[in-house]
Amino acid sequence: MIVLVTGDKYFQVKCAVDGAFFYKYLREYMDFSKAEPNIAHRVISDLQLTRTVSVITQNIDGLHEKAGSKAIA
C-alpha cells in the first residue's frame, strides 16, 4: 500500500491504484540530491561492518548507499 499525503484527491487515487505512476512521479519530480542519511541509515551501515545485515528497500533516494551500506536489495 502506498500512503501519500497531498491535497490533490485525483493524485492520491491514481497513486493508490497505480504504483508505477507513483514511482515514475518520484523519479521525475522529487529531488533527493540534497538529502542526507539519517541516524537509522548510518546505524544499519555500521552494523554491516560487524554483522550480516541485508537491507531490503524501495531505495528511491539512495540514502542507504550514501550512508555506506553494501548489502542492499
N, C-alpha and C. Protein backbone atom coordinates (compact mmCIF):
# COMPACT_ATOMS: atom_id res chain seq x y z
N MET A 1 0.84 -1.18 0.00
CA MET A 1 0.00 0.00 0.00
C MET A 1 0.88 1.24 0.00
N ILE A 2 0.52 2.20 -0.77
CA ILE A 2 1.22 3.47 -0.83
C ILE A 2 0.38 4.51 -0.11
N VAL A 3 0.96 5.18 0.86
CA VAL A 3 0.26 6.23 1.58
C VAL A 3 0.88 7.56 1.16
N LEU A 4 0.06 8.44 0.70
CA LEU A 4 0.55 9.70 0.19
C LEU A 4 -0.29 10.83 0.77
N VAL A 5 0.37 11.83 1.29
CA VAL A 5 -0.33 12.98 1.84
C VAL A 5 -0.25 14.12 0.84
N THR A 6 -1.38 14.47 0.28
CA THR A 6 -1.45 15.57 -0.68
C THR A 6 -2.88 16.07 -0.71
N GLY A 7 -3.06 17.30 -1.14
CA GLY A 7 -4.40 17.86 -1.24
C GLY A 7 -5.10 17.47 -2.53
N ASP A 8 -4.38 16.87 -3.46
CA ASP A 8 -4.94 16.52 -4.76
C ASP A 8 -5.53 15.12 -4.70
N LYS A 9 -6.85 15.04 -4.64
CA LYS A 9 -7.54 13.75 -4.49
C LYS A 9 -7.28 12.84 -5.68
N TYR A 10 -7.28 13.38 -6.91
CA TYR A 10 -7.01 12.56 -8.10
C TYR A 10 -5.63 11.92 -7.98
N PHE A 11 -4.65 12.70 -7.55
CA PHE A 11 -3.28 12.20 -7.43
C PHE A 11 -3.22 11.08 -6.39
N GLN A 12 -3.91 11.26 -5.26
CA GLN A 12 -3.95 10.23 -4.23
C GLN A 12 -4.52 8.93 -4.77
N VAL A 13 -5.64 9.02 -5.47
CA VAL A 13 -6.30 7.83 -6.01
C VAL A 13 -5.44 7.18 -7.08
N LYS A 14 -4.88 7.98 -7.98
CA LYS A 14 -4.04 7.45 -9.05
C LYS A 14 -2.84 6.69 -8.47
N CYS A 15 -2.21 7.25 -7.44
CA CYS A 15 -1.06 6.59 -6.82
C CYS A 15 -1.47 5.31 -6.10
N ALA A 16 -2.63 5.33 -5.45
CA ALA A 16 -3.09 4.15 -4.73
C ALA A 16 -3.41 3.01 -5.69
N VAL A 17 -3.88 3.33 -6.87
CA VAL A 17 -4.27 2.32 -7.85
C VAL A 17 -3.09 1.89 -8.71
N ASP A 18 -2.21 2.80 -9.01
CA ASP A 18 -1.12 2.54 -9.96
C ASP A 18 0.22 2.87 -9.31
N GLY A 19 0.85 1.86 -8.69
CA GLY A 19 2.13 2.06 -8.03
C GLY A 19 3.19 2.56 -8.99
N ALA A 20 3.17 2.13 -10.24
CA ALA A 20 4.16 2.56 -11.23
C ALA A 20 4.05 4.07 -11.45
N PHE A 21 2.84 4.60 -11.45
CA PHE A 21 2.63 6.05 -11.59
C PHE A 21 3.32 6.79 -10.45
N PHE A 22 3.15 6.27 -9.24
CA PHE A 22 3.76 6.89 -8.06
C PHE A 22 5.28 6.95 -8.19
N TYR A 23 5.90 5.83 -8.55
CA TYR A 23 7.36 5.80 -8.64
C TYR A 23 7.89 6.61 -9.82
N LYS A 24 7.12 6.66 -10.91
CA LYS A 24 7.50 7.50 -12.04
C LYS A 24 7.47 8.97 -11.60
N TYR A 25 6.45 9.34 -10.86
CA TYR A 25 6.35 10.71 -10.34
C TYR A 25 7.55 11.03 -9.46
N LEU A 26 7.89 10.10 -8.56
CA LEU A 26 9.03 10.33 -7.67
C LEU A 26 10.32 10.54 -8.46
N ARG A 27 10.57 9.69 -9.44
CA ARG A 27 11.80 9.80 -10.24
C ARG A 27 11.86 11.11 -11.01
N GLU A 28 10.73 11.57 -11.52
CA GLU A 28 10.72 12.74 -12.39
C GLU A 28 10.62 14.07 -11.65
N TYR A 29 9.96 14.09 -10.48
CA TYR A 29 9.66 15.36 -9.84
C TYR A 29 10.25 15.57 -8.45
N MET A 30 10.72 14.52 -7.82
CA MET A 30 11.27 14.66 -6.48
C MET A 30 12.79 14.77 -6.57
N ASP A 31 13.35 15.72 -5.89
CA ASP A 31 14.79 15.94 -5.91
C ASP A 31 15.38 15.49 -4.58
N PHE A 32 16.08 14.35 -4.62
CA PHE A 32 16.71 13.82 -3.41
C PHE A 32 18.19 14.15 -3.35
N SER A 33 18.68 14.97 -4.27
CA SER A 33 20.11 15.23 -4.38
C SER A 33 20.71 15.87 -3.12
N LYS A 34 19.91 16.60 -2.38
CA LYS A 34 20.41 17.26 -1.17
C LYS A 34 20.08 16.49 0.10
N ALA A 35 19.38 15.36 -0.05
CA ALA A 35 19.00 14.55 1.11
C ALA A 35 20.24 13.88 1.70
N GLU A 36 20.26 13.79 3.00
CA GLU A 36 21.37 13.15 3.71
C GLU A 36 20.85 11.97 4.52
N PRO A 37 21.67 10.94 4.69
CA PRO A 37 21.26 9.80 5.51
C PRO A 37 20.99 10.24 6.95
N ASN A 38 20.00 9.62 7.56
CA ASN A 38 19.71 9.93 8.96
C ASN A 38 20.40 8.89 9.85
N ILE A 39 20.16 8.96 11.13
CA ILE A 39 20.82 8.07 12.08
C ILE A 39 20.51 6.59 11.78
N ALA A 40 19.31 6.29 11.35
CA ALA A 40 18.95 4.89 11.05
C ALA A 40 19.78 4.36 9.88
N HIS A 41 19.96 5.16 8.84
CA HIS A 41 20.79 4.75 7.71
C HIS A 41 22.22 4.46 8.17
N ARG A 42 22.75 5.33 9.02
CA ARG A 42 24.14 5.19 9.47
C ARG A 42 24.31 3.99 10.40
N VAL A 43 23.33 3.74 11.28
CA VAL A 43 23.41 2.59 12.19
C VAL A 43 23.38 1.29 11.39
N ILE A 44 22.52 1.21 10.40
CA ILE A 44 22.46 0.00 9.57
C ILE A 44 23.80 -0.21 8.86
N SER A 45 24.36 0.84 8.33
CA SER A 45 25.66 0.75 7.67
C SER A 45 26.73 0.27 8.65
N ASP A 46 26.74 0.83 9.86
CA ASP A 46 27.71 0.43 10.88
C ASP A 46 27.53 -1.03 11.28
N LEU A 47 26.29 -1.48 11.39
CA LEU A 47 26.03 -2.87 11.74
C LEU A 47 26.61 -3.83 10.69
N GLN A 48 26.57 -3.41 9.44
CA GLN A 48 27.09 -4.26 8.37
C GLN A 48 28.60 -4.48 8.48
N LEU A 49 29.28 -3.66 9.25
CA LEU A 49 30.72 -3.83 9.43
C LEU A 49 31.05 -5.03 10.31
N THR A 50 30.14 -5.39 11.20
CA THR A 50 30.42 -6.47 12.15
C THR A 50 29.42 -7.62 12.11
N ARG A 51 28.36 -7.46 11.35
CA ARG A 51 27.30 -8.49 11.29
C ARG A 51 26.82 -8.64 9.86
N THR A 52 26.12 -9.75 9.62
CA THR A 52 25.48 -9.95 8.32
C THR A 52 24.12 -9.26 8.38
N VAL A 53 24.00 -8.18 7.67
CA VAL A 53 22.76 -7.40 7.65
C VAL A 53 22.44 -7.10 6.19
N SER A 54 21.25 -7.47 5.76
CA SER A 54 20.78 -7.12 4.42
C SER A 54 19.69 -6.08 4.54
N VAL A 55 19.72 -5.12 3.64
CA VAL A 55 18.73 -4.05 3.63
C VAL A 55 17.80 -4.30 2.45
N ILE A 56 16.51 -4.41 2.74
CA ILE A 56 15.50 -4.55 1.68
C ILE A 56 14.73 -3.24 1.66
N THR A 57 14.83 -2.55 0.54
CA THR A 57 14.27 -1.21 0.46
C THR A 57 13.78 -0.91 -0.95
N GLN A 58 12.87 0.03 -1.07
CA GLN A 58 12.47 0.50 -2.39
C GLN A 58 13.52 1.45 -2.93
N ASN A 59 14.36 1.97 -2.06
CA ASN A 59 15.55 2.74 -2.40
C ASN A 59 15.31 3.83 -3.45
N ILE A 60 14.37 4.68 -3.19
CA ILE A 60 14.08 5.75 -4.14
C ILE A 60 15.00 6.95 -3.96
N ASP A 61 15.73 6.99 -2.84
CA ASP A 61 16.55 8.17 -2.57
C ASP A 61 18.05 7.90 -2.51
N GLY A 62 18.46 6.63 -2.49
CA GLY A 62 19.88 6.29 -2.47
C GLY A 62 20.57 6.56 -1.14
N LEU A 63 19.82 6.80 -0.08
CA LEU A 63 20.44 7.19 1.19
C LEU A 63 21.15 6.04 1.88
N HIS A 64 20.71 4.80 1.66
CA HIS A 64 21.43 3.67 2.26
C HIS A 64 22.84 3.59 1.68
N GLU A 65 22.96 3.74 0.37
CA GLU A 65 24.28 3.73 -0.27
C GLU A 65 25.12 4.91 0.22
N LYS A 66 24.49 6.05 0.32
CA LYS A 66 25.19 7.26 0.75
C LYS A 66 25.74 7.09 2.17
N ALA A 67 25.02 6.31 2.99
CA ALA A 67 25.47 6.05 4.36
C ALA A 67 26.56 4.98 4.41
N GLY A 68 26.75 4.25 3.29
CA GLY A 68 27.80 3.25 3.24
C GLY A 68 27.34 1.81 3.28
N SER A 69 26.03 1.58 3.27
CA SER A 69 25.54 0.20 3.27
C SER A 69 25.95 -0.49 1.98
N LYS A 70 26.23 -1.80 2.10
CA LYS A 70 26.69 -2.57 0.96
C LYS A 70 25.65 -3.59 0.47
N ALA A 71 25.07 -4.36 1.40
CA ALA A 71 24.12 -5.42 1.02
C ALA A 71 22.72 -4.83 0.96
N ILE A 72 22.35 -4.34 -0.21
CA ILE A 72 21.05 -3.68 -0.39
C ILE A 72 20.30 -4.38 -1.50
N ALA A 73 19.05 -4.74 -1.20
CA ALA A 73 18.21 -5.40 -2.22
C ALA A 73 16.96 -4.59 -2.44
